[in-house]
């Protein structure tokens, strides 16, 4: 199954989280690009983040973010 643009947008949100602390979240503002706003809402609907506009990662979200960041490091080793 190939990645859809929606999945890529969600991954781009997940890789923005700082995994070295659980005390740091993100906020996607109303002025953000529409694809970022929609991706963050989908992540919330999937139970990966705590707020529709970002917030903190859930346990499942933390795991997904770890995996997304690992794939990004493998594909972009610079």
N, C-alpha and C. Protein backbone atom coordinates (compact mmCIF):
# COMPACT_ATOMS: atom_id res chain seq x y z
N UNK A 1 0.84 -1.17 0.00
CA UNK A 1 0.00 0.00 0.00
C UNK A 1 0.89 1.24 0.00
N UNK A 2 0.80 2.08 -1.01
CA UNK A 2 1.64 3.28 -1.07
C UNK A 2 1.15 4.35 -0.09
N UNK A 3 2.04 5.24 0.26
CA UNK A 3 1.68 6.36 1.11
C UNK A 3 0.79 7.32 0.34
N UNK A 4 -0.25 7.79 1.00
CA UNK A 4 -1.08 8.85 0.42
C UNK A 4 -0.54 10.19 0.92
N UNK A 5 -0.98 11.27 0.30
CA UNK A 5 -0.54 12.58 0.76
C UNK A 5 -1.00 12.84 2.20
N UNK A 6 -2.19 12.34 2.57
CA UNK A 6 -2.67 12.50 3.94
C UNK A 6 -1.71 11.84 4.94
N UNK A 7 -1.24 10.63 4.61
CA UNK A 7 -0.31 9.92 5.49
C UNK A 7 1.01 10.69 5.59
N UNK A 8 1.50 11.18 4.47
CA UNK A 8 2.75 11.96 4.48
C UNK A 8 2.57 13.20 5.35
N UNK A 9 1.44 13.87 5.23
CA UNK A 9 1.19 15.06 6.05
C UNK A 9 1.16 14.70 7.54
N UNK A 10 0.56 13.58 7.88
CA UNK A 10 0.52 13.14 9.28
C UNK A 10 1.91 12.80 9.79
N UNK A 11 2.69 12.13 8.98
CA UNK A 11 4.07 11.81 9.36
C UNK A 11 4.87 13.10 9.58
N UNK A 12 4.66 14.08 8.71
CA UNK A 12 5.36 15.36 8.87
C UNK A 12 5.00 16.04 10.18
N UNK A 13 3.81 15.85 10.68
CA UNK A 13 3.45 16.39 12.00
C UNK A 13 4.14 15.56 13.08
N UNK A 14 4.08 14.25 12.98
CA UNK A 14 4.66 13.39 14.02
C UNK A 14 6.16 13.62 14.21
N UNK A 15 6.87 13.90 13.13
CA UNK A 15 8.32 14.06 13.26
C UNK A 15 8.70 15.40 13.88
N UNK A 16 7.75 16.27 14.09
CA UNK A 16 8.03 17.56 14.74
C UNK A 16 8.08 17.46 16.26
N UNK A 17 7.62 16.36 16.80
CA UNK A 17 7.60 16.20 18.26
C UNK A 17 9.00 15.88 18.78
N UNK A 18 9.32 16.47 19.91
CA UNK A 18 10.57 16.21 20.62
C UNK A 18 10.36 14.98 21.49
N UNK A 19 11.02 13.89 21.15
CA UNK A 19 10.81 12.63 21.87
C UNK A 19 11.66 12.51 23.13
N UNK A 20 12.53 13.48 23.37
CA UNK A 20 13.39 13.39 24.56
C UNK A 20 12.65 13.82 25.83
N UNK A 21 11.44 14.34 25.69
CA UNK A 21 10.65 14.73 26.86
C UNK A 21 9.17 14.54 26.57
N UNK A 22 8.42 14.19 27.60
CA UNK A 22 6.97 14.09 27.45
C UNK A 22 6.29 15.40 27.86
N UNK A 23 7.08 16.37 28.29
CA UNK A 23 6.55 17.65 28.75
C UNK A 23 6.48 18.71 27.66
N UNK A 24 6.78 18.34 26.44
CA UNK A 24 6.79 19.29 25.34
C UNK A 24 5.85 18.81 24.24
N UNK A 25 4.87 19.63 23.91
CA UNK A 25 3.95 19.31 22.84
C UNK A 25 4.12 20.29 21.69
N UNK A 26 3.15 20.27 20.79
CA UNK A 26 3.15 21.25 19.70
C UNK A 26 1.77 21.87 19.60
N UNK A 27 1.71 23.02 18.99
CA UNK A 27 0.44 23.73 18.75
C UNK A 27 0.41 24.09 17.28
N UNK A 28 -0.60 23.62 16.58
CA UNK A 28 -0.78 23.96 15.17
C UNK A 28 -1.81 25.09 15.14
N UNK A 29 -1.35 26.26 14.80
CA UNK A 29 -2.20 27.45 14.82
C UNK A 29 -3.15 27.51 13.63
N UNK A 30 -4.19 28.32 13.76
CA UNK A 30 -5.18 28.49 12.70
C UNK A 30 -4.56 29.04 11.42
N UNK A 31 -3.41 29.68 11.54
CA UNK A 31 -2.75 30.27 10.38
C UNK A 31 -1.80 29.29 9.69
N UNK A 32 -1.69 28.07 10.23
CA UNK A 32 -0.83 27.05 9.62
C UNK A 32 -1.43 26.63 8.28
N UNK A 33 -0.62 26.03 7.42
CA UNK A 33 -1.16 25.53 6.16
C UNK A 33 -2.31 24.54 6.41
N UNK A 34 -3.34 24.60 5.57
CA UNK A 34 -4.51 23.73 5.78
C UNK A 34 -4.17 22.25 5.91
N UNK A 35 -3.17 21.78 5.16
CA UNK A 35 -2.83 20.35 5.24
C UNK A 35 -2.28 19.99 6.61
N UNK A 36 -1.59 20.92 7.27
CA UNK A 36 -1.08 20.67 8.63
C UNK A 36 -2.23 20.63 9.63
N UNK A 37 -3.16 21.54 9.48
CA UNK A 37 -4.32 21.57 10.38
C UNK A 37 -5.13 20.28 10.24
N UNK A 38 -5.39 19.87 9.01
CA UNK A 38 -6.17 18.65 8.77
C UNK A 38 -5.43 17.41 9.26
N UNK A 39 -4.12 17.36 9.03
CA UNK A 39 -3.33 16.20 9.46
C UNK A 39 -3.34 16.08 10.98
N UNK A 40 -3.22 17.19 11.67
CA UNK A 40 -3.22 17.17 13.13
C UNK A 40 -4.58 16.72 13.66
N UNK A 41 -5.65 17.16 13.03
CA UNK A 41 -7.00 16.72 13.42
C UNK A 41 -7.15 15.22 13.21
N UNK A 42 -6.63 14.70 12.11
CA UNK A 42 -6.70 13.25 11.86
C UNK A 42 -5.91 12.48 12.91
N UNK A 43 -4.74 13.00 13.29
CA UNK A 43 -3.94 12.34 14.33
C UNK A 43 -4.71 12.32 15.65
N UNK A 44 -5.42 13.39 15.95
CA UNK A 44 -6.26 13.43 17.14
C UNK A 44 -7.37 12.38 17.04
N UNK A 45 -8.03 12.33 15.90
CA UNK A 45 -9.11 11.36 15.70
C UNK A 45 -8.62 9.92 15.82
N UNK A 46 -7.37 9.69 15.47
CA UNK A 46 -6.76 8.35 15.56
C UNK A 46 -6.22 8.06 16.96
N UNK A 47 -6.27 9.03 17.85
CA UNK A 47 -5.79 8.82 19.22
C UNK A 47 -4.29 8.94 19.38
N UNK A 48 -3.62 9.66 18.47
CA UNK A 48 -2.16 9.78 18.54
C UNK A 48 -1.71 11.05 19.24
N UNK A 49 -2.57 12.07 19.27
CA UNK A 49 -2.27 13.32 19.98
C UNK A 49 -3.46 13.68 20.86
N UNK A 50 -3.20 14.51 21.87
CA UNK A 50 -4.21 14.78 22.88
C UNK A 50 -5.18 15.91 22.54
N UNK A 51 -4.85 16.73 21.56
CA UNK A 51 -5.70 17.86 21.19
C UNK A 51 -5.88 17.92 19.68
N UNK A 52 -6.98 18.49 19.22
CA UNK A 52 -7.22 18.63 17.78
C UNK A 52 -6.16 19.49 17.12
N UNK A 53 -5.54 20.39 17.87
CA UNK A 53 -4.52 21.28 17.31
C UNK A 53 -3.11 20.87 17.75
N UNK A 54 -2.96 19.63 18.15
CA UNK A 54 -1.63 19.13 18.53
C UNK A 54 -1.60 18.60 19.94
N UNK A 55 -1.14 19.45 20.84
CA UNK A 55 -1.02 19.00 22.23
C UNK A 55 0.16 18.07 22.40
N UNK A 56 -0.06 17.05 23.20
CA UNK A 56 1.00 16.09 23.50
C UNK A 56 0.73 14.78 22.78
N UNK A 57 1.76 13.99 22.64
CA UNK A 57 1.60 12.65 22.08
C UNK A 57 0.97 11.73 23.11
N UNK A 58 0.07 10.88 22.67
CA UNK A 58 -0.41 9.80 23.52
C UNK A 58 0.66 8.70 23.52
N UNK A 59 0.44 7.66 24.26
CA UNK A 59 1.39 6.54 24.26
C UNK A 59 1.52 5.97 22.84
N UNK A 60 0.40 5.79 22.18
CA UNK A 60 0.42 5.29 20.80
C UNK A 60 1.08 6.31 19.87
N UNK A 61 0.81 7.57 20.08
CA UNK A 61 1.41 8.62 19.28
C UNK A 61 2.92 8.68 19.46
N UNK A 62 3.38 8.47 20.68
CA UNK A 62 4.82 8.46 20.95
C UNK A 62 5.49 7.34 20.16
N UNK A 63 4.86 6.18 20.18
CA UNK A 63 5.40 5.04 19.44
C UNK A 63 5.42 5.34 17.93
N UNK A 64 4.34 5.92 17.42
CA UNK A 64 4.27 6.25 16.00
C UNK A 64 5.32 7.30 15.63
N UNK A 65 5.50 8.28 16.50
CA UNK A 65 6.50 9.32 16.25
C UNK A 65 7.91 8.74 16.26
N UNK A 66 8.18 7.83 17.19
CA UNK A 66 9.49 7.17 17.22
C UNK A 66 9.76 6.46 15.90
N UNK A 67 8.76 5.72 15.43
CA UNK A 67 8.92 4.97 14.18
C UNK A 67 9.10 5.91 12.99
N UNK A 68 8.30 6.97 12.95
CA UNK A 68 8.39 7.93 11.85
C UNK A 68 9.77 8.61 11.84
N UNK A 69 10.24 8.98 13.01
CA UNK A 69 11.55 9.63 13.08
C UNK A 69 12.67 8.66 12.73
N UNK A 70 12.51 7.39 13.09
CA UNK A 70 13.52 6.39 12.74
C UNK A 70 13.59 6.19 11.22
N UNK A 71 12.44 6.11 10.58
CA UNK A 71 12.41 5.97 9.12
C UNK A 71 13.03 7.19 8.46
N UNK A 72 12.71 8.36 8.95
CA UNK A 72 13.29 9.58 8.38
C UNK A 72 14.82 9.59 8.51
N UNK A 73 15.33 9.15 9.65
CA UNK A 73 16.79 9.08 9.84
C UNK A 73 17.42 8.09 8.88
N UNK A 74 16.76 6.97 8.64
CA UNK A 74 17.28 5.96 7.72
C UNK A 74 17.30 6.45 6.27
N UNK A 75 16.26 7.17 5.91
CA UNK A 75 16.14 7.63 4.53
C UNK A 75 16.92 8.92 4.25
N UNK A 76 17.24 9.65 5.32
CA UNK A 76 17.94 10.92 5.19
C UNK A 76 19.09 10.96 6.19
N UNK A 77 20.13 10.15 5.98
CA UNK A 77 21.19 9.99 6.98
C UNK A 77 22.11 11.20 7.16
N UNK A 78 21.90 12.25 6.40
CA UNK A 78 22.75 13.45 6.51
C UNK A 78 22.61 13.99 7.88
